[in-house]
Amino acid sequence: MKPSKSYRVFQVFNTVLMILILFITLYPFVYLVAQSFSSDAAVSAGQVTFFPVDFTLDTYKYLLKDDSFFKYYGNTILYTVVGTLISVIGTALLAYPLSKPRLRLNKFFTPFVVFTMYFTGGIIPNYILVTQWLGLQDSMLAIILPGAISTFNLLVMKSFFAGLPEELEEAASIDGMGVYGIFVKIILPLSKPILATMALFYMVGMWNEWFAPMMYLDSRDKWPIALWVRQLVEGANNTEIGSSAEASSVQATLKSATMVLTSIPIICVYPFVQKYFVQGMTIGAVKG
């Protein structure tokens, strides 16, 4: 059947709109990449748009031989891996029982969980809680534990678990499998899409986190890369950069190159979880 005129118009309009959105989305990153491979003079003169001007690798060479850069990068990898594992496991352990209406205390606990999505204690009470009551000042746990479980992610995972067939659990229970065995051997293998989705959410959040480290980490050696980049972008004098003649020769491109390098891991991970990401968000959004 031949498409109608109105449908063809819609296709053209939709294609143009998608191309425009794609351009708006990608241009900032393309601009950063072009800047990072351009000369300092070209960037300072505002000559860089889509493509590098006076192509050079000087900025990347300078960064990659800077020990502090790899130190902060390693801290971020550690925080992200440990934090993502704790967050995904904690979210799954809490979401699974909340997805079972037969449990008596669900109606009691669920409103308290939802309440935290709309109201928080505030920065000062959180700071007092973490530093004085929990004694986590200048500790990796101060970055990971306070925001370990996101209420939004919890509710999405709860909806996914609620949509799984109850018959599977009943059959396993009849065969003598316990609650923990059902959760580990049946529920989790069926939940790969939502687990991958939550892992990506938590990973991106932890990788980009700089505010909590700024508040809780006193030791500079424990900084994540995001805080170091933030100090660099803000032009702080304590970023261990900019004192040498070599640093001053790449100062204009340093921020761009640093942001490109810190974005690469997340960009590399996303293609591997994309199919799970789309499936997990779709199922978690429509069931519950």
C-alpha atoms as a PDB file:
ATOM      1  CA  MET A   1       0.000   0.000   0.000  1.00  0.00           C
ATOM      2  CA  LYS A   2       1.348   3.363  -1.032  1.00  0.00           C
ATOM      3  CA  PRO A   3       1.976   5.726   1.925  1.00  0.00           C
ATOM      4  CA  SER A   4      -0.339   8.712   2.077  1.00  0.00           C
ATOM      5  CA  LYS A   5       0.878  12.231   1.470  1.00  0.00           C
ATOM      6  CA  SER A   6       0.422  13.180   5.120  1.00  0.00           C
ATOM      7  CA  TYR A   7       2.486  10.156   6.222  1.00  0.00           C
ATOM      8  CA  ARG A   8       5.316  11.084   3.848  1.00  0.00           C
ATOM      9  CA  VAL A   9       5.257  14.633   5.215  1.00  0.00           C
ATOM     10  CA  PHE A  10       5.444  13.191   8.719  1.00  0.00           C
ATOM     11  CA  GLN A  11       8.424  11.023   7.740  1.00  0.00           C
ATOM     12  CA  VAL A  12      10.288  14.013   6.325  1.00  0.00           C
ATOM     13  CA  PHE A  13       9.493  16.140   9.373  1.00  0.00           C
ATOM     14  CA  ASN A  14      10.472  13.325  11.754  1.00  0.00           C
ATOM     15  CA  THR A  15      13.756  12.717   9.918  1.00  0.00           C
ATOM     16  CA  VAL A  16      14.686  16.394   9.981  1.00  0.00           C
ATOM     17  CA  LEU A  17      13.776  16.615  13.675  1.00  0.00           C
ATOM     18  CA  MET A  18      15.855  13.536  14.566  1.00  0.00           C
ATOM     19  CA  ILE A  19      18.849  14.886  12.640  1.00  0.00           C
ATOM     20  CA  LEU A  20      18.517  18.206  14.461  1.00  0.00           C
ATOM     21  CA  ILE A  21      18.345  16.488  17.853  1.00  0.00           C
ATOM     22  CA  LEU A  22      21.322  14.314  16.932  1.00  0.00           C
ATOM     23  CA  PHE A  23      23.330  17.383  15.954  1.00  0.00           C
ATOM     24  CA  ILE A  24      22.440  19.240  19.159  1.00  0.00           C
ATOM     25  CA  THR A  25      23.367  16.180  21.206  1.00  0.00           C
ATOM     26  CA  LEU A  26      26.649  15.335  19.518  1.00  0.00           C
ATOM     27  CA  TYR A  27      28.033  18.777  18.715  1.00  0.00           C
ATOM     28  CA  PRO A  28      29.326  19.605  22.234  1.00  0.00           C
ATOM     29  CA  PHE A  29      31.336  16.377  22.323  1.00  0.00           C
ATOM     30  CA  VAL A  30      32.564  16.786  18.740  1.00  0.00           C
ATOM     31  CA  TYR A  31      33.622  20.331  19.629  1.00  0.00           C
ATOM     32  CA  LEU A  32      35.546  19.082  22.680  1.00  0.00           C
ATOM     33  CA  VAL A  33      37.318  16.432  20.607  1.00  0.00           C
ATOM     34  CA  ALA A  34      38.217  18.978  17.924  1.00  0.00           C
ATOM     35  CA  GLN A  35      39.572  21.347  20.571  1.00  0.00           C
ATOM     36  CA  SER A  36      41.620  18.635  22.239  1.00  0.00           C
ATOM     37  CA  PHE A  37      43.473  17.877  18.991  1.00  0.00           C
ATOM     38  CA  SER A  38      43.976  21.531  18.026  1.00  0.00           C
ATOM     39  CA  SER A  39      46.814  23.866  18.856  1.00  0.00           C
ATOM     40  CA  ASP A  40      46.549  26.154  21.842  1.00  0.00           C
ATOM     41  CA  ALA A  41      46.719  29.238  19.613  1.00  0.00           C
ATOM     42  CA  ALA A  42      43.834  28.046  17.402  1.00  0.00           C
ATOM     43  CA  VAL A  43      41.610  27.354  20.403  1.00  0.00           C
ATOM     44  CA  SER A  44      42.440  30.687  22.031  1.00  0.00           C
ATOM     45  CA  ALA A  45      41.632  32.463  18.743  1.00  0.00           C
ATOM     46  CA  GLY A  46      38.239  30.698  18.495  1.00  0.00           C
ATOM     47  CA  GLN A  47      39.045  29.048  15.169  1.00  0.00           C
ATOM     48  CA  VAL A  48      37.909  25.532  16.136  1.00  0.00           C
ATOM     49  CA  THR A  49      34.377  24.392  15.260  1.00  0.00           C
ATOM     50  CA  PHE A  50      33.896  20.862  13.892  1.00  0.00           C
ATOM     51  CA  PHE A  51      37.424  19.847  12.964  1.00  0.00           C
ATOM     52  CA  PRO A  52      40.825  20.266  14.644  1.00  0.00           C
ATOM     53  CA  VAL A  53      42.949  23.221  13.557  1.00  0.00           C
ATOM     54  CA  ASP A  54      46.737  22.758  13.491  1.00  0.00           C
ATOM     55  CA  PHE A  55      46.362  19.105  14.523  1.00  0.00           C
ATOM     56  CA  THR A  56      48.575  18.156  17.471  1.00  0.00           C
ATOM     57  CA  LEU A  57      48.834  15.464  20.150  1.00  0.00           C
ATOM     58  CA  ASP A  58      50.785  17.625  22.601  1.00  0.00           C
ATOM     59  CA  THR A  59      47.935  17.920  25.098  1.00  0.00           C
ATOM     60  CA  TYR A  60      47.336  14.175  25.272  1.00  0.00           C
ATOM     61  CA  LYS A  61      51.070  13.517  25.585  1.00  0.00           C
ATOM     62  CA  TYR A  62      51.230  15.952  28.478  1.00  0.00           C
ATOM     63  CA  LEU A  63      48.231  14.388  30.251  1.00  0.00           C
ATOM     64  CA  LEU A  64      49.284  10.785  29.751  1.00  0.00           C
ATOM     65  CA  LYS A  65      52.668  11.339  31.336  1.00  0.00           C
ATOM     66  CA  ASP A  66      51.131  13.146  34.324  1.00  0.00           C
ATOM     67  CA  ASP A  67      51.121  10.746  37.292  1.00  0.00           C
ATOM     68  CA  SER A  68      48.376  12.658  39.085  1.00  0.00           C
ATOM     69  CA  PHE A  69      45.976  12.123  36.179  1.00  0.00           C
ATOM     70  CA  PHE A  70      46.311   8.314  36.393  1.00  0.00           C
ATOM     71  CA  LYS A  71      46.090   8.431  40.184  1.00  0.00           C
ATOM     72  CA  TYR A  72      42.707  10.203  40.073  1.00  0.00           C
ATOM     73  CA  TYR A  73      41.599   7.982  37.200  1.00  0.00           C
ATOM     74  CA  GLY A  74      42.397   4.877  39.263  1.00  0.00           C
ATOM     75  CA  ASN A  75      40.465   6.277  42.230  1.00  0.00           C
ATOM     76  CA  THR A  76      37.436   6.828  40.021  1.00  0.00           C
ATOM     77  CA  ILE A  77      37.577   3.298  38.628  1.00  0.00           C
ATOM     78  CA  LEU A  78      37.757   1.894  42.165  1.00  0.00           C
ATOM     79  CA  TYR A  79      34.864   4.040  43.432  1.00  0.00           C
ATOM     80  CA  THR A  80      32.752   3.252  40.366  1.00  0.00           C
ATOM     81  CA  VAL A  81      33.256  -0.532  40.440  1.00  0.00           C
ATOM     82  CA  VAL A  82      32.728  -0.898  44.199  1.00  0.00           C
ATOM     83  CA  GLY A  83      29.908   1.647  44.317  1.00  0.00           C
ATOM     84  CA  THR A  84      28.042   0.111  41.372  1.00  0.00           C
ATOM     85  CA  LEU A  85      28.246  -3.391  42.869  1.00  0.00           C
ATOM     86  CA  ILE A  86      26.972  -2.206  46.245  1.00  0.00           C
ATOM     87  CA  SER A  87      24.206  -0.126  44.670  1.00  0.00           C
ATOM     88  CA  VAL A  88      22.926  -2.816  42.295  1.00  0.00           C
ATOM     89  CA  ILE A  89      23.007  -5.540  44.960  1.00  0.00           C
ATOM     90  CA  GLY A  90      21.361  -3.295  47.551  1.00  0.00           C
ATOM     91  CA  THR A  91      18.676  -2.119  45.143  1.00  0.00           C
ATOM     92  CA  ALA A  92      17.850  -5.677  44.066  1.00  0.00           C
ATOM     93  CA  LEU A  93      17.703  -6.955  47.650  1.00  0.00           C
ATOM     94  CA  LEU A  94      15.272  -4.200  48.625  1.00  0.00           C
ATOM     95  CA  ALA A  95      13.197  -4.153  45.432  1.00  0.00           C
ATOM     96  CA  TYR A  96      12.472  -7.888  45.412  1.00  0.00           C
ATOM     97  CA  PRO A  97      10.585  -8.099  48.740  1.00  0.00           C
ATOM     98  CA  LEU A  98       8.797  -4.815  48.031  1.00  0.00           C
ATOM     99  CA  SER A  99       7.483  -6.315  44.782  1.00  0.00           C
ATOM    100  CA  LYS A 100       5.635  -9.055  46.681  1.00  0.00           C
ATOM    101  CA  PRO A 101       2.158  -7.861  47.775  1.00  0.00           C
ATOM    102  CA  ARG A 102       1.748 -10.944  49.979  1.00  0.00           C
ATOM    103  CA  LEU A 103       4.359  -9.644  52.417  1.00  0.00           C
ATOM    104  CA  ARG A 104       2.539  -7.901  55.245  1.00  0.00           C
ATOM    105  CA  LEU A 105       4.940  -5.023  55.833  1.00  0.00           C
ATOM    106  CA  ASN A 106       5.102  -3.906  52.186  1.00  0.00           C
ATOM    107  CA  LYS A 107       2.340  -1.363  52.632  1.00  0.00           C
ATOM    108  CA  PHE A 108       4.184  -0.021  55.660  1.00  0.00           C
ATOM    109  CA  PHE A 109       7.657   0.307  54.138  1.00  0.00           C
ATOM    110  CA  THR A 110       6.806   1.390  50.571  1.00  0.00           C
ATOM    111  CA  PRO A 111       5.516   4.888  51.522  1.00  0.00           C
ATOM    112  CA  PHE A 112       8.716   5.538  53.465  1.00  0.00           C
ATOM    113  CA  VAL A 113      10.794   4.553  50.444  1.00  0.00           C
ATOM    114  CA  VAL A 114       8.773   6.788  48.101  1.00  0.00           C
ATOM    115  CA  PHE A 115       8.947   9.652  50.599  1.00  0.00           C
ATOM    116  CA  THR A 116      12.732   9.834  50.212  1.00  0.00           C
ATOM    117  CA  MET A 117      12.354  10.517  46.485  1.00  0.00           C
ATOM    118  CA  TYR A 118      10.592  13.823  47.179  1.00  0.00           C
ATOM    119  CA  PHE A 119      12.166  14.975  50.439  1.00  0.00           C
ATOM    120  CA  THR A 120      15.765  14.870  51.654  1.00  0.00           C
ATOM    121  CA  GLY A 121      17.440  15.838  54.868  1.00  0.00           C
ATOM    122  CA  GLY A 122      19.504  18.577  53.228  1.00  0.00           C
ATOM    123  CA  ILE A 123      23.228  19.072  52.812  1.00  0.00           C
ATOM    124  CA  ILE A 124      24.064  20.077  56.385  1.00  0.00           C
ATOM    125  CA  PRO A 125      22.216  17.193  58.119  1.00  0.00           C
ATOM    126  CA  ASN A 126      23.736  14.756  55.622  1.00  0.00           C
ATOM    127  CA  TYR A 127      27.193  16.163  56.287  1.00  0.00           C
ATOM    128  CA  ILE A 128      26.724  15.815  60.056  1.00  0.00           C
ATOM    129  CA  LEU A 129      25.384  12.280  59.636  1.00  0.00           C
ATOM    130  CA  VAL A 130      28.279  11.131  57.453  1.00  0.00           C
ATOM    131  CA  THR A 131      31.143  12.871  59.246  1.00  0.00           C
ATOM    132  CA  GLN A 132      30.118  12.890  62.921  1.00  0.00           C
ATOM    133  CA  TRP A 133      27.626  10.090  63.478  1.00  0.00           C
ATOM    134  CA  LEU A 134      29.021   7.552  60.997  1.00  0.00           C
ATOM    135  CA  GLY A 135      32.643   8.744  61.201  1.00  0.00           C
ATOM    136  CA  LEU A 136      33.242   8.383  57.462  1.00  0.00           C
ATOM    137  CA  GLN A 137      35.119  11.641  56.854  1.00  0.00           C
ATOM    138  CA  ASP A 138      37.918  11.172  54.305  1.00  0.00           C
ATOM    139  CA  SER A 139      36.730   7.644  53.530  1.00  0.00           C
ATOM    140  CA  MET A 140      35.692   5.961  50.296  1.00  0.00           C
ATOM    141  CA  LEU A 141      32.489   4.830  52.014  1.00  0.00           C
ATOM    142  CA  ALA A 142      31.465   8.467  52.476  1.00  0.00           C
ATOM    143  CA  ILE A 143      31.107   8.690  48.687  1.00  0.00           C
ATOM    144  CA  ILE A 144      29.471   5.309  48.126  1.00  0.00           C
ATOM    145  CA  LEU A 145      27.087   4.604  51.019  1.00  0.00           C
ATOM    146  CA  PRO A 146      24.936   7.777  51.393  1.00  0.00           C
ATOM    147  CA  GLY A 147      23.585   7.530  47.846  1.00  0.00           C
ATOM    148  CA  ALA A 148      23.958   3.789  47.392  1.00  0.00           C
ATOM    149  CA  ILE A 149      20.270   3.173  46.610  1.00  0.00           C
ATOM    150  CA  SER A 150      18.364   5.496  44.300  1.00  0.00           C
ATOM    151  CA  THR A 151      14.614   5.539  44.990  1.00  0.00           C
ATOM    152  CA  PHE A 152      13.793   5.955  41.303  1.00  0.00           C
ATOM    153  CA  ASN A 153      15.971   2.979  40.340  1.00  0.00           C
ATOM    154  CA  LEU A 154      14.462   0.997  43.191  1.00  0.00           C
ATOM    155  CA  LEU A 155      10.905   1.605  41.969  1.00  0.00           C
ATOM    156  CA  VAL A 156      11.814   0.688  38.386  1.00  0.00           C
ATOM    157  CA  MET A 157      13.406  -2.566  39.546  1.00  0.00           C
ATOM    158  CA  LYS A 158      10.440  -3.254  41.828  1.00  0.00           C
ATOM    159  CA  SER A 159       8.092  -2.915  38.850  1.00  0.00           C
ATOM    160  CA  PHE A 160      10.246  -5.324  36.843  1.00  0.00           C
ATOM    161  CA  PHE A 161      10.246  -7.941  39.606  1.00  0.00           C
ATOM    162  CA  ALA A 162       6.485  -7.575  40.012  1.00  0.00           C
ATOM    163  CA  GLY A 163       6.035  -8.398  36.321  1.00  0.00           C
ATOM    164  CA  LEU A 164       7.862 -11.732  36.515  1.00  0.00           C
ATOM    165  CA  PRO A 165       5.585 -14.829  36.519  1.00  0.00           C
ATOM    166  CA  GLU A 166       4.700 -15.981  40.018  1.00  0.00           C
ATOM    167  CA  GLU A 167       4.352 -19.533  38.709  1.00  0.00           C
ATOM    168  CA  LEU A 168       8.128 -19.839  38.383  1.00  0.00           C
ATOM    169  CA  GLU A 169       8.640 -19.104  42.051  1.00  0.00           C
ATOM    170  CA  GLU A 170       5.789 -21.375  43.077  1.00  0.00           C
ATOM    171  CA  ALA A 171       7.237 -24.250  41.042  1.00  0.00           C
ATOM    172  CA  ALA A 172      10.682 -23.737  42.556  1.00  0.00           C
ATOM    173  CA  SER A 173       9.193 -23.571  46.032  1.00  0.00           C
ATOM    174  CA  ILE A 174       7.353 -26.858  45.490  1.00  0.00           C
ATOM    175  CA  ASP A 175      10.670 -28.411  44.441  1.00  0.00           C
ATOM    176  CA  GLY A 176      12.100 -27.405  47.806  1.00  0.00           C
ATOM    177  CA  MET A 177      14.036 -24.288  46.871  1.00  0.00           C
ATOM    178  CA  GLY A 178      14.202 -21.576  49.518  1.00  0.00           C
ATOM    179  CA  VAL A 179      13.607 -17.849  49.175  1.00  0.00           C
ATOM    180  CA  TYR A 180      17.269 -17.006  48.678  1.00  0.00           C
ATOM    181  CA  GLY A 181      17.724 -19.834  46.191  1.00  0.00           C
ATOM    182  CA  ILE A 182      14.739 -18.610  44.176  1.00  0.00           C
ATOM    183  CA  PHE A 183      16.105 -15.072  44.180  1.00  0.00           C
ATOM    184  CA  VAL A 184      19.651 -16.043  43.147  1.00  0.00           C
ATOM    185  CA  LYS A 185      18.965 -18.917  40.741  1.00  0.00           C
ATOM    186  CA  ILE A 186      15.689 -17.827  39.130  1.00  0.00           C
ATOM    187  CA  ILE A 187      14.936 -14.122  39.638  1.00  0.00           C
ATOM    188  CA  LEU A 188      18.389 -12.682  38.999  1.00  0.00           C
ATOM    189  CA  PRO A 189      19.078 -14.659  35.775  1.00  0.00           C
ATOM    190  CA  LEU A 190      15.722 -13.461  34.423  1.00  0.00           C
ATOM    191  CA  SER A 191      16.539  -9.888  35.418  1.00  0.00           C
ATOM    192  CA  LYS A 192      19.626  -9.260  33.288  1.00  0.00           C
ATOM    193  CA  PRO A 193      17.979  -6.356  31.375  1.00  0.00           C
ATOM    194  CA  ILE A 194      17.007  -4.421  34.481  1.00  0.00           C
ATOM    195  CA  LEU A 195      20.277  -5.231  36.279  1.00  0.00           C
ATOM    196  CA  ALA A 196      22.284  -3.948  33.306  1.00  0.00           C
ATOM    197  CA  THR A 197      20.132  -0.813  33.191  1.00  0.00           C
ATOM    198  CA  MET A 198      20.599  -0.095  36.879  1.00  0.00           C
ATOM    199  CA  ALA A 199      24.318  -0.811  36.647  1.00  0.00           C
ATOM    200  CA  LEU A 200      24.647   1.733  33.836  1.00  0.00           C
ATOM    201  CA  PHE A 201      22.679   4.350  35.790  1.00  0.00           C
ATOM    202  CA  TYR A 202      24.736   3.885  38.931  1.00  0.00           C
ATOM    203  CA  MET A 203      27.996   3.681  36.984  1.00  0.00           C
ATOM    204  CA  VAL A 204      27.426   6.979  35.192  1.00  0.00           C
ATOM    205  CA  GLY A 205      26.376   8.689  38.411  1.00  0.00           C
ATOM    206  CA  MET A 206      29.381   7.434  40.353  1.00  0.00           C
ATOM    207  CA  TRP A 207      31.810   8.193  37.520  1.00  0.00           C
ATOM    208  CA  ASN A 208      30.647  11.822  37.335  1.00  0.00           C
ATOM    209  CA  GLU A 209      30.356  12.382  41.084  1.00  0.00           C
ATOM    210  CA  TRP A 210      32.385  15.319  42.375  1.00  0.00           C
ATOM    211  CA  PHE A 211      30.248  17.078  44.993  1.00  0.00           C
ATOM    212  CA  ALA A 212      30.370  14.369  47.661  1.00  0.00           C
ATOM    213  CA  PRO A 213      34.149  13.900  47.266  1.00  0.00           C
ATOM    214  CA  MET A 214      34.605  17.658  47.565  1.00  0.00           C
ATOM    215  CA  MET A 215      32.730  17.633  50.895  1.00  0.00           C
ATOM    216  CA  TYR A 216      34.051  14.456  52.456  1.00  0.00           C
ATOM    217  CA  LEU A 217      37.550  13.800  51.114  1.00  0.00           C
ATOM    218  CA  ASP A 218      40.313  15.707  52.882  1.00  0.00           C
ATOM    219  CA  SER A 219      43.186  13.769  51.311  1.00  0.00           C
ATOM    220  CA  ARG A 220      43.995  14.885  47.819  1.00  0.00           C
ATOM    221  CA  ASP A 221      45.303  11.403  46.969  1.00  0.00           C
ATOM    222  CA  LYS A 222      41.743  10.067  47.266  1.00  0.00           C
ATOM    223  CA  TRP A 223      40.176  12.484  44.775  1.00  0.00           C
ATOM    224  CA  PRO A 224      38.215  11.033  41.827  1.00  0.00           C
ATOM    225  CA  ILE A 225      38.906  12.305  38.333  1.00  0.00           C
ATOM    226  CA  ALA A 226      35.611  14.229  38.232  1.00  0.00           C
ATOM    227  CA  LEU A 227      36.660  16.453  41.131  1.00  0.00           C
ATOM    228  CA  TRP A 228      40.060  17.025  39.552  1.00  0.00           C
ATOM    229  CA  VAL A 229      38.392  17.994  36.259  1.00  0.00           C
ATOM    230  CA  ARG A 230      36.016  20.295  38.096  1.00  0.00           C
ATOM    231  CA  GLN A 231      38.917  22.073  39.760  1.00  0.00           C
ATOM    232  CA  LEU A 232      40.615  22.328  36.395  1.00  0.00           C
ATOM    233  CA  VAL A 233      37.535  23.780  34.681  1.00  0.00           C
ATOM    234  CA  GLU A 234      37.027  26.234  37.535  1.00  0.00           C
ATOM    235  CA  GLY A 235      40.623  27.352  37.137  1.00  0.00           C
ATOM    236  CA  ALA A 236      41.675  26.426  40.647  1.00  0.00           C
ATOM    237  CA  ASN A 237      45.340  26.805  41.448  1.00  0.00           C
ATOM    238  CA  ASN A 238      45.652  23.509  43.329  1.00  0.00           C
ATOM    239  CA  THR A 239      45.157  21.139  40.405  1.00  0.00           C
ATOM    240  CA  GLU A 240      48.884  20.458  40.057  1.00  0.00           C
ATOM    241  CA  ILE A 241      48.675  21.798  36.503  1.00  0.00           C
ATOM    242  CA  GLY A 242      49.817  24.945  34.857  1.00  0.00           C
ATOM    243  CA  SER A 243      53.068  25.636  36.615  1.00  0.00           C
ATOM    244  CA  SER A 244      55.434  24.444  33.910  1.00  0.00           C
ATOM    245  CA  ALA A 245      56.160  25.987  30.546  1.00  0.00           C
ATOM    246  CA  GLU A 246      54.926  22.806  28.864  1.00  0.00           C
ATOM    247  CA  ALA A 247      51.597  23.077  30.676  1.00  0.00           C
ATOM    248  CA  SER A 248      51.114  26.687  29.674  1.00  0.00           C
ATOM    249  CA  SER A 249      51.627  25.741  26.024  1.00  0.00           C
ATOM    250  CA  VAL A 250      48.573  23.449  26.114  1.00  0.00           C
ATOM    251  CA  GLN A 251      46.473  25.292  28.694  1.00  0.00           C
ATOM    252  CA  ALA A 252      43.629  26.176  26.327  1.00  0.00           C
ATOM    253  CA  THR A 253      43.202  22.562  25.153  1.00  0.00           C
ATOM    254  CA  LEU A 254      43.860  20.903  28.509  1.00  0.00           C
ATOM    255  CA  LYS A 255      40.271  21.032  29.725  1.00  0.00           C
ATOM    256  CA  SER A 256      38.902  19.583  26.497  1.00  0.00           C
ATOM    257  CA  ALA A 257      41.410  16.740  26.373  1.00  0.00           C
ATOM    258  CA  THR A 258      40.793  15.883  30.025  1.00  0.00           C
ATOM    259  CA  MET A 259      37.016  15.749  29.550  1.00  0.00           C
ATOM    260  CA  VAL A 260      37.401  13.581  26.445  1.00  0.00           C
ATOM    261  CA  LEU A 261      39.621  11.096  28.274  1.00  0.00           C
ATOM    262  CA  THR A 262      37.269  10.902  31.257  1.00  0.00           C
ATOM    263  CA  SER A 263      34.286  10.243  28.964  1.00  0.00           C
ATOM    264  CA  ILE A 264      35.849   7.351  27.059  1.00  0.00           C
ATOM    265  CA  PRO A 265      35.095   4.521  29.577  1.00  0.00           C
ATOM    266  CA  ILE A 266      31.373   5.299  29.751  1.00  0.00           C
ATOM    267  CA  ILE A 267      31.177   5.642  25.967  1.00  0.00           C
ATOM    268  CA  CYS A 268      32.877   2.247  25.592  1.00  0.00           C
ATOM    269  CA  VAL A 269      30.591   0.516  28.096  1.00  0.00           C
ATOM    270  CA  TYR A 270      27.265   1.763  26.723  1.00  0.00           C
ATOM    271  CA  PRO A 271      27.228  -0.207  23.407  1.00  0.00           C
ATOM    272  CA  PHE A 272      27.565  -3.488  25.323  1.00  0.00           C
ATOM    273  CA  VAL A 273      24.540  -2.786  27.562  1.00  0.00           C
ATOM    274  CA  GLN A 274      22.402  -0.872  25.075  1.00  0.00           C
ATOM    275  CA  LYS A 275      20.063  -3.764  24.253  1.00  0.00           C
ATOM    276  CA  TYR A 276      19.581  -4.514  27.951  1.00  0.00           C
ATOM    277  CA  PHE A 277      19.180  -0.810  28.689  1.00  0.00           C
ATOM    278  CA  VAL A 278      16.284  -0.326  26.255  1.00  0.00           C
ATOM    279  CA  GLN A 279      14.591  -3.584  27.241  1.00  0.00           C
ATOM    280  CA  GLY A 280      14.992  -2.995  30.962  1.00  0.00           C
ATOM    281  CA  MET A 281      13.626   0.551  30.893  1.00  0.00           C
ATOM    282  CA  THR A 282      10.668  -0.454  28.700  1.00  0.00           C
ATOM    283  CA  ILE A 283       9.630  -3.432  30.825  1.00  0.00           C
ATOM    284  CA  GLY A 284      10.231  -1.622  34.086  1.00  0.00           C
ATOM    285  CA  ALA A 285       8.184   1.334  32.938  1.00  0.00           C
ATOM    286  CA  VAL A 286       5.031  -0.449  31.715  1.00  0.00           C
ATOM    287  CA  LYS A 287       4.651  -3.165  34.340  1.00  0.00           C
ATOM    288  CA  GLY A 288       3.986  -2.737  37.991  1.00  0.00           C
END
